[in-house]
Amino acid sequence: MLVFDWNEPGRDERFELQLQRLKMLVADMEAVQQRRMQKALPEEAPILEQWAPTCRPAPCLTGLSTGHPRLVGKDRSIITSDLQLVSSDQTWARTTSRWYRLGTQRRMEKTLRSLN
């Protein structure tokens, strides 16, 4: 959630950042709808291994990220921003902020057993 000033909405850096993220998300959604996105998926997209869907209050993914531009490291445990799109073959996901290449999905049986 952003708080903004009606008189100066463009002066808040967080407002501008979120606006740009949402514009890029809409452009990607339109490209998917028009069947232009598959050939243009970013090769530098981070890989998310051992991923699983989860909710913060909104759906997102959790997993081990490699190649993330801001969360640097190999197999770094992360929770993504809000999940917006998932390819039907579950190899790509688009969150509010970026595309992810999806690797292996975490087996939920293991996760549930490990909690007991």
C-alpha atoms as a PDB file:
ATOM      1  CA  MET A   1       0.000   0.000   0.000  1.00  0.00           C
ATOM      2  CA  LEU A   2       1.202   3.468  -0.826  1.00  0.00           C
ATOM      3  CA  VAL A   3       0.286   6.698   0.863  1.00  0.00           C
ATOM      4  CA  PHE A   4       0.337   9.659  -1.504  1.00  0.00           C
ATOM      5  CA  ASP A   5      -0.250  13.383  -1.492  1.00  0.00           C
ATOM      6  CA  TRP A   6      -3.031  14.490  -3.884  1.00  0.00           C
ATOM      7  CA  ASN A   7      -1.109  17.708  -4.501  1.00  0.00           C
ATOM      8  CA  GLU A   8       2.229  16.051  -5.339  1.00  0.00           C
ATOM      9  CA  PRO A   9       1.750  12.347  -6.240  1.00  0.00           C
ATOM     10  CA  GLY A  10       4.769  12.285  -8.551  1.00  0.00           C
ATOM     11  CA  ARG A  11       7.261  13.353  -5.903  1.00  0.00           C
ATOM     12  CA  ASP A  12       7.216  10.080  -3.982  1.00  0.00           C
ATOM     13  CA  GLU A  13       9.909   7.688  -5.274  1.00  0.00           C
ATOM     14  CA  ARG A  14       7.995   4.640  -4.012  1.00  0.00           C
ATOM     15  CA  PHE A  15       4.899   5.778  -5.909  1.00  0.00           C
ATOM     16  CA  GLU A  16       6.910   6.118  -9.121  1.00  0.00           C
ATOM     17  CA  LEU A  17       8.603   2.744  -8.615  1.00  0.00           C
ATOM     18  CA  GLN A  18       5.281   0.966  -8.074  1.00  0.00           C
ATOM     19  CA  LEU A  19       3.730   2.731 -11.068  1.00  0.00           C
ATOM     20  CA  GLN A  20       6.601   1.557 -13.307  1.00  0.00           C
ATOM     21  CA  ARG A  21       6.367  -2.018 -11.951  1.00  0.00           C
ATOM     22  CA  LEU A  22       2.646  -2.144 -12.661  1.00  0.00           C
ATOM     23  CA  LYS A  23       3.077  -0.694 -16.163  1.00  0.00           C
ATOM     24  CA  MET A  24       5.639  -3.410 -16.941  1.00  0.00           C
ATOM     25  CA  LEU A  25       3.275  -6.060 -15.546  1.00  0.00           C
ATOM     26  CA  VAL A  26       0.420  -4.815 -17.746  1.00  0.00           C
ATOM     27  CA  ALA A  27       2.700  -4.776 -20.804  1.00  0.00           C
ATOM     28  CA  ASP A  28       3.743  -8.382 -20.088  1.00  0.00           C
ATOM     29  CA  MET A  29       0.123  -9.469 -19.579  1.00  0.00           C
ATOM     30  CA  GLU A  30      -0.830  -7.894 -22.909  1.00  0.00           C
ATOM     31  CA  ALA A  31       2.116  -9.660 -24.589  1.00  0.00           C
ATOM     32  CA  VAL A  32       0.966 -13.005 -23.132  1.00  0.00           C
ATOM     33  CA  GLN A  33      -2.583 -12.346 -24.327  1.00  0.00           C
ATOM     34  CA  GLN A  34      -1.329 -11.519 -27.822  1.00  0.00           C
ATOM     35  CA  ARG A  35       0.966 -14.592 -27.861  1.00  0.00           C
ATOM     36  CA  ARG A  36       4.093 -12.444 -28.155  1.00  0.00           C
ATOM     37  CA  MET A  37       5.631 -13.174 -24.763  1.00  0.00           C
ATOM     38  CA  GLN A  38       6.911 -16.759 -25.047  1.00  0.00           C
ATOM     39  CA  LYS A  39       9.652 -15.842 -27.513  1.00  0.00           C
ATOM     40  CA  ALA A  40      10.562 -12.731 -25.512  1.00  0.00           C
ATOM     41  CA  LEU A  41      10.909 -14.220 -22.022  1.00  0.00           C
ATOM     42  CA  PRO A  42      14.001 -12.799 -20.339  1.00  0.00           C
ATOM     43  CA  GLU A  43      16.990 -15.162 -20.338  1.00  0.00           C
ATOM     44  CA  GLU A  44      18.371 -13.393 -17.265  1.00  0.00           C
ATOM     45  CA  ALA A  45      15.227 -14.097 -15.227  1.00  0.00           C
ATOM     46  CA  PRO A  46      16.067 -15.554 -11.814  1.00  0.00           C
ATOM     47  CA  ILE A  47      15.572 -19.285 -11.332  1.00  0.00           C
ATOM     48  CA  LEU A  48      13.355 -20.378  -8.437  1.00  0.00           C
ATOM     49  CA  GLU A  49      14.040 -23.945  -7.287  1.00  0.00           C
ATOM     50  CA  GLN A  50      12.094 -25.900  -4.684  1.00  0.00           C
ATOM     51  CA  TRP A  51       9.275 -23.423  -5.207  1.00  0.00           C
ATOM     52  CA  ALA A  52       5.822 -23.606  -3.729  1.00  0.00           C
ATOM     53  CA  PRO A  53       2.774 -21.357  -3.807  1.00  0.00           C
ATOM     54  CA  THR A  54       2.027 -19.514  -0.586  1.00  0.00           C
ATOM     55  CA  CYS A  55       0.081 -16.478   0.618  1.00  0.00           C
ATOM     56  CA  ARG A  56       1.106 -13.433   2.598  1.00  0.00           C
ATOM     57  CA  PRO A  57      -2.209 -11.938   2.272  1.00  0.00           C
ATOM     58  CA  ALA A  58      -1.880 -12.257  -1.510  1.00  0.00           C
ATOM     59  CA  PRO A  59      -0.708 -15.309  -3.494  1.00  0.00           C
ATOM     60  CA  CYS A  60       3.059 -15.394  -3.997  1.00  0.00           C
ATOM     61  CA  LEU A  61       5.848 -17.958  -4.319  1.00  0.00           C
ATOM     62  CA  THR A  62       8.526 -19.089  -1.946  1.00  0.00           C
ATOM     63  CA  GLY A  63      11.649 -20.936  -2.953  1.00  0.00           C
ATOM     64  CA  LEU A  64      15.393 -20.849  -3.542  1.00  0.00           C
ATOM     65  CA  SER A  65      16.398 -18.054  -5.910  1.00  0.00           C
ATOM     66  CA  THR A  66      19.502 -17.857  -8.080  1.00  0.00           C
ATOM     67  CA  GLY A  67      20.255 -14.876 -10.318  1.00  0.00           C
ATOM     68  CA  HIS A  68      17.890 -12.381  -8.685  1.00  0.00           C
ATOM     69  CA  PRO A  69      19.062  -8.828  -9.423  1.00  0.00           C
ATOM     70  CA  ARG A  70      18.313  -7.512  -5.916  1.00  0.00           C
ATOM     71  CA  LEU A  71      18.414 -10.627  -3.723  1.00  0.00           C
ATOM     72  CA  VAL A  72      21.890 -11.740  -4.695  1.00  0.00           C
ATOM     73  CA  GLY A  73      23.155 -15.261  -4.116  1.00  0.00           C
ATOM     74  CA  LYS A  74      22.705 -18.866  -5.148  1.00  0.00           C
ATOM     75  CA  ASP A  75      19.817 -20.851  -3.697  1.00  0.00           C
ATOM     76  CA  ARG A  76      18.797 -17.903  -1.519  1.00  0.00           C
ATOM     77  CA  SER A  77      15.506 -18.470   0.303  1.00  0.00           C
ATOM     78  CA  ILE A  78      12.978 -15.823  -0.780  1.00  0.00           C
ATOM     79  CA  ILE A  79       9.307 -14.942  -0.853  1.00  0.00           C
ATOM     80  CA  THR A  80       8.312 -13.210  -4.097  1.00  0.00           C
ATOM     81  CA  SER A  81       6.110 -10.204  -4.581  1.00  0.00           C
ATOM     82  CA  ASP A  82       2.453 -10.900  -5.415  1.00  0.00           C
ATOM     83  CA  LEU A  83       1.976 -13.673  -7.960  1.00  0.00           C
ATOM     84  CA  GLN A  84       0.198 -12.453 -11.092  1.00  0.00           C
ATOM     85  CA  LEU A  85       0.692 -15.131 -13.793  1.00  0.00           C
ATOM     86  CA  VAL A  86       1.853 -18.762 -14.005  1.00  0.00           C
ATOM     87  CA  SER A  87       2.335 -20.611 -17.289  1.00  0.00           C
ATOM     88  CA  SER A  88       0.149 -23.703 -17.620  1.00  0.00           C
ATOM     89  CA  ASP A  89       3.280 -25.899 -17.809  1.00  0.00           C
ATOM     90  CA  GLN A  90       4.533 -24.249 -14.592  1.00  0.00           C
ATOM     91  CA  THR A  91       7.888 -23.244 -16.067  1.00  0.00           C
ATOM     92  CA  TRP A  92       7.379 -19.457 -15.835  1.00  0.00           C
ATOM     93  CA  ALA A  93       5.775 -17.144 -13.296  1.00  0.00           C
ATOM     94  CA  ARG A  94       5.244 -13.376 -13.359  1.00  0.00           C
ATOM     95  CA  THR A  95       5.075 -11.562 -10.057  1.00  0.00           C
ATOM     96  CA  THR A  96       4.322  -7.886  -9.689  1.00  0.00           C
ATOM     97  CA  SER A  97       8.014  -7.105 -10.019  1.00  0.00           C
ATOM     98  CA  ARG A  98       9.528  -9.656 -12.441  1.00  0.00           C
ATOM     99  CA  TRP A  99       9.493 -12.930 -14.344  1.00  0.00           C
ATOM    100  CA  TYR A 100      10.852 -16.101 -12.741  1.00  0.00           C
ATOM    101  CA  ARG A 101      11.934 -19.294 -14.455  1.00  0.00           C
ATOM    102  CA  LEU A 102      10.477 -22.086 -12.356  1.00  0.00           C
ATOM    103  CA  GLY A 103      12.652 -25.083 -11.622  1.00  0.00           C
ATOM    104  CA  THR A 104      11.609 -28.022  -9.518  1.00  0.00           C
ATOM    105  CA  GLN A 105       8.512 -27.621  -7.402  1.00  0.00           C
ATOM    106  CA  ARG A 106       8.743 -28.448  -3.724  1.00  0.00           C
ATOM    107  CA  ARG A 107       6.903 -31.617  -2.850  1.00  0.00           C
ATOM    108  CA  MET A 108       4.215 -30.645  -0.393  1.00  0.00           C
ATOM    109  CA  GLU A 109       4.110 -34.132   1.211  1.00  0.00           C
ATOM    110  CA  LYS A 110       7.705 -33.647   2.365  1.00  0.00           C
ATOM    111  CA  THR A 111       6.912 -30.208   3.692  1.00  0.00           C
ATOM    112  CA  LEU A 112       3.860 -31.401   5.603  1.00  0.00           C
ATOM    113  CA  ARG A 113       5.723 -34.445   6.999  1.00  0.00           C
ATOM    114  CA  SER A 114       8.593 -32.277   8.142  1.00  0.00           C
ATOM    115  CA  LEU A 115       6.181 -30.197  10.228  1.00  0.00           C
ATOM    116  CA  ASN A 116       5.084 -33.246  12.274  1.00  0.00           C
END
